[in-house]
């Protein structure tokens, strides 16, 4: 295994449950398929860099790019992806993270039998992935008796912005999730 710095991009379908319970099964299945199609099309037609490693999670798409293999405008890529989803009525969060990731240069995603179940290994330890999941949980929030969450939006890990060599124009409010710090950028 080797340790690399990497950027993580998570596109989370925050209104998934609302859409699921709003109508008929077939409507939800088609709606979810539309989310997956749009995310895959963005990844295939306008990838955010060279050799992206992507993981579909059902409620989200996570993409990881080794530093140096990323496109110069990752923030724009996330904004455009969110805009395309918003045009179709999806409430989504776009999250950009940065950190250390461990790559097994010989391994691939695999599934294997484990007892009566199946286990899927898709990645080694990844700080960008952990940070993205923490931000997604904060964006999603809790139930009615809990915090409403950050909501749909574009969330930028402070470390990712710094690694891209960018600086916010104004002093943004820092949002914290699991020890990581994020800026909210636009709607």
Protein backbone atom coordinates (compact mmCIF):
# COMPACT_ATOMS: atom_id res chain seq x y z
CA UNK A 1 0.00 0.00 0.00
CA UNK A 2 1.08 3.54 -0.68
CA UNK A 3 -0.01 6.77 0.98
CA UNK A 4 -1.07 9.63 -1.32
CA UNK A 5 -2.76 12.99 -0.88
CA UNK A 6 -6.13 13.04 -2.58
CA UNK A 7 -9.25 15.08 -3.18
CA UNK A 8 -12.67 13.59 -2.46
CA UNK A 9 -15.92 14.71 -4.08
CA UNK A 10 -19.24 13.50 -2.71
CA UNK A 11 -22.56 14.21 -4.41
CA UNK A 12 -25.27 13.27 -1.92
CA UNK A 13 -28.98 12.97 -2.73
CA UNK A 14 -30.26 14.64 0.43
CA UNK A 15 -33.97 14.49 -0.47
CA UNK A 16 -33.88 10.76 -1.23
CA UNK A 17 -36.26 9.76 1.57
CA UNK A 18 -38.66 12.62 0.78
CA UNK A 19 -38.82 11.44 -2.84
CA UNK A 20 -39.17 7.81 -1.76
CA UNK A 21 -42.21 8.46 0.43
CA UNK A 22 -43.82 11.08 -1.84
CA UNK A 23 -45.27 8.75 -4.43
CA UNK A 24 -45.45 5.35 -5.98
CA UNK A 25 -42.63 2.81 -6.04
CA UNK A 26 -42.13 3.09 -9.80
CA UNK A 27 -41.86 6.88 -9.56
CA UNK A 28 -39.17 6.63 -6.90
CA UNK A 29 -37.24 3.95 -8.81
CA UNK A 30 -37.25 6.18 -11.91
CA UNK A 31 -36.27 9.23 -9.86
CA UNK A 32 -33.35 7.41 -8.22
CA UNK A 33 -32.23 6.07 -11.60
CA UNK A 34 -32.24 9.66 -12.89
CA UNK A 35 -29.91 10.73 -10.07
CA UNK A 36 -27.52 7.86 -10.79
CA UNK A 37 -27.62 8.52 -14.56
CA UNK A 38 -26.88 12.20 -14.18
CA UNK A 39 -23.97 11.58 -11.79
CA UNK A 40 -22.52 8.91 -14.06
CA UNK A 41 -22.90 11.14 -17.12
CA UNK A 42 -21.04 13.99 -15.41
CA UNK A 43 -18.29 11.61 -14.36
CA UNK A 44 -18.01 10.05 -17.82
CA UNK A 45 -18.52 13.14 -20.03
CA UNK A 46 -16.60 15.69 -17.96
CA UNK A 47 -14.44 13.84 -15.42
CA UNK A 48 -12.96 15.93 -12.60
CA UNK A 49 -9.49 14.62 -13.38
CA UNK A 50 -7.47 11.65 -14.60
CA UNK A 51 -8.26 8.13 -13.41
CA UNK A 52 -11.01 9.00 -10.92
CA UNK A 53 -11.96 6.22 -8.52
CA UNK A 54 -15.71 6.32 -7.96
CA UNK A 55 -17.98 4.55 -5.53
CA UNK A 56 -21.77 4.49 -5.85
CA UNK A 57 -23.36 4.37 -2.42
CA UNK A 58 -27.05 4.32 -3.36
CA UNK A 59 -27.71 7.71 -1.79
CA UNK A 60 -24.52 9.33 -3.12
CA UNK A 61 -21.61 9.14 -5.53
CA UNK A 62 -18.12 9.49 -4.11
CA UNK A 63 -15.15 10.26 -6.38
CA UNK A 64 -11.52 10.30 -5.28
CA UNK A 65 -8.61 11.76 -7.24
CA UNK A 66 -4.96 11.58 -6.32
CA UNK A 67 -3.47 15.06 -5.96
CA UNK A 68 -1.92 16.06 -9.28
CA UNK A 69 -4.41 13.99 -11.27
CA UNK A 70 -7.29 16.35 -10.44
CA UNK A 71 -8.72 18.96 -12.77
CA UNK A 72 -7.84 22.53 -11.79
CA UNK A 73 -11.49 23.48 -11.19
CA UNK A 74 -12.88 20.84 -8.84
CA UNK A 75 -15.12 23.42 -7.18
CA UNK A 76 -16.66 24.34 -10.56
CA UNK A 77 -17.18 20.65 -11.35
CA UNK A 78 -19.16 20.20 -8.14
CA UNK A 79 -21.14 23.42 -8.73
CA UNK A 80 -22.06 22.33 -12.24
CA UNK A 81 -23.05 18.86 -11.05
CA UNK A 82 -25.26 20.32 -8.31
CA UNK A 83 -26.79 22.78 -10.81
CA UNK A 84 -27.66 19.94 -13.19
CA UNK A 85 -29.27 18.03 -10.32
CA UNK A 86 -31.16 21.14 -9.11
CA UNK A 87 -32.56 21.66 -12.64
CA UNK A 88 -34.21 18.26 -12.26
CA UNK A 89 -35.45 19.01 -8.75
CA UNK A 90 -32.92 17.02 -6.72
CA UNK A 91 -31.92 18.41 -3.32
CA UNK A 92 -28.22 17.59 -3.24
CA UNK A 93 -25.06 18.39 -1.35
CA UNK A 94 -21.74 18.66 -3.16
CA UNK A 95 -18.81 18.14 -0.81
CA UNK A 96 -15.12 18.66 -1.57
CA UNK A 97 -12.56 17.18 0.83
CA UNK A 98 -8.83 16.59 1.00
CA UNK A 99 -6.44 14.36 2.92
CA UNK A 100 -4.43 11.20 2.95
CA UNK A 101 -5.60 8.06 1.18
CA UNK A 102 -4.02 4.63 1.11
CA UNK A 103 -3.93 2.85 -2.22
CA UNK A 104 -3.28 -0.82 -2.69
CA UNK A 105 -1.70 -0.65 -6.14
CA UNK A 106 -2.46 -4.32 -6.84
CA UNK A 107 -5.95 -4.59 -5.36
CA UNK A 108 -9.28 -3.90 -7.01
CA UNK A 109 -12.76 -3.60 -5.59
CA UNK A 110 -13.84 -7.14 -4.79
CA UNK A 111 -16.74 -8.95 -3.25
CA UNK A 112 -16.47 -12.28 -1.53
CA UNK A 113 -18.60 -14.60 0.50
CA UNK A 114 -18.36 -14.08 4.25
CA UNK A 115 -20.40 -16.55 6.24
CA UNK A 116 -23.91 -16.30 4.87
CA UNK A 117 -23.34 -12.81 3.52
CA UNK A 118 -21.13 -10.93 1.11
CA UNK A 119 -18.47 -8.36 1.87
CA UNK A 120 -17.34 -5.74 -0.65
CA UNK A 121 -13.95 -4.05 -0.34
CA UNK A 122 -13.79 -0.88 -2.40
CA UNK A 123 -11.01 1.17 -0.84
CA UNK A 124 -8.20 1.42 1.63
CA UNK A 125 -8.26 3.93 4.49
CA UNK A 126 -9.24 7.35 3.15
CA UNK A 127 -9.31 10.62 5.07
CA UNK A 128 -11.14 12.44 2.23
CA UNK A 129 -13.89 9.80 2.26
CA UNK A 130 -14.31 9.96 6.06
CA UNK A 131 -14.48 13.77 5.93
CA UNK A 132 -17.05 13.66 3.12
CA UNK A 133 -19.27 11.30 5.10
CA UNK A 134 -19.04 13.54 8.19
CA UNK A 135 -20.04 16.60 6.15
CA UNK A 136 -22.87 14.68 4.50
CA UNK A 137 -24.22 13.67 7.91
CA UNK A 138 -24.08 17.31 9.03
CA UNK A 139 -25.83 18.44 5.82
CA UNK A 140 -28.53 15.81 6.29
CA UNK A 141 -29.12 16.66 9.96
CA UNK A 142 -31.26 14.72 12.37
CA UNK A 143 -34.94 14.00 12.73
CA UNK A 144 -37.69 16.45 13.69
CA UNK A 145 -36.50 16.68 17.29
CA UNK A 146 -32.90 17.26 16.29
CA UNK A 147 -30.82 19.69 14.30
CA UNK A 148 -32.19 20.45 10.83
CA UNK A 149 -28.73 20.12 9.32
CA UNK A 150 -26.87 22.29 6.86
CA UNK A 151 -29.21 21.34 4.00
CA UNK A 152 -28.50 21.11 0.27
CA UNK A 153 -25.49 23.15 -0.78
CA UNK A 154 -21.85 23.15 -1.75
CA UNK A 155 -19.46 22.42 1.14
CA UNK A 156 -15.72 22.91 0.83
CA UNK A 157 -13.23 21.39 3.24
CA UNK A 158 -10.91 24.17 4.44
CA UNK A 159 -7.93 21.87 3.74
CA UNK A 160 -9.16 21.20 0.17
CA UNK A 161 -9.50 24.90 -0.59
CA UNK A 162 -5.97 25.48 0.71
CA UNK A 163 -4.58 22.52 -1.28
CA UNK A 164 -6.13 24.02 -4.44
CA UNK A 165 -4.32 27.28 -3.71
CA UNK A 166 -7.57 29.22 -3.35
CA UNK A 167 -8.74 31.66 -0.70
CA UNK A 168 -12.28 32.76 0.08
CA UNK A 169 -13.07 36.36 -0.88
CA UNK A 170 -14.63 37.05 2.51
CA UNK A 171 -14.17 35.40 5.89
CA UNK A 172 -16.78 32.64 5.66
CA UNK A 173 -18.51 31.04 8.60
CA UNK A 174 -16.77 27.81 9.51
CA UNK A 175 -18.98 24.74 9.75
CA UNK A 176 -17.58 21.85 11.78
CA UNK A 177 -18.26 18.15 11.37
CA UNK A 178 -16.31 15.42 13.12
CA UNK A 179 -13.21 17.53 13.60
CA UNK A 180 -13.10 18.81 10.01
CA UNK A 181 -13.90 22.38 8.99
CA UNK A 182 -15.95 23.41 5.96
CA UNK A 183 -17.10 26.54 4.16
CA UNK A 184 -20.52 26.75 2.57
CA UNK A 185 -20.27 28.13 -0.95
CA UNK A 186 -23.48 29.48 -2.52
CA UNK A 187 -26.76 27.59 -2.52
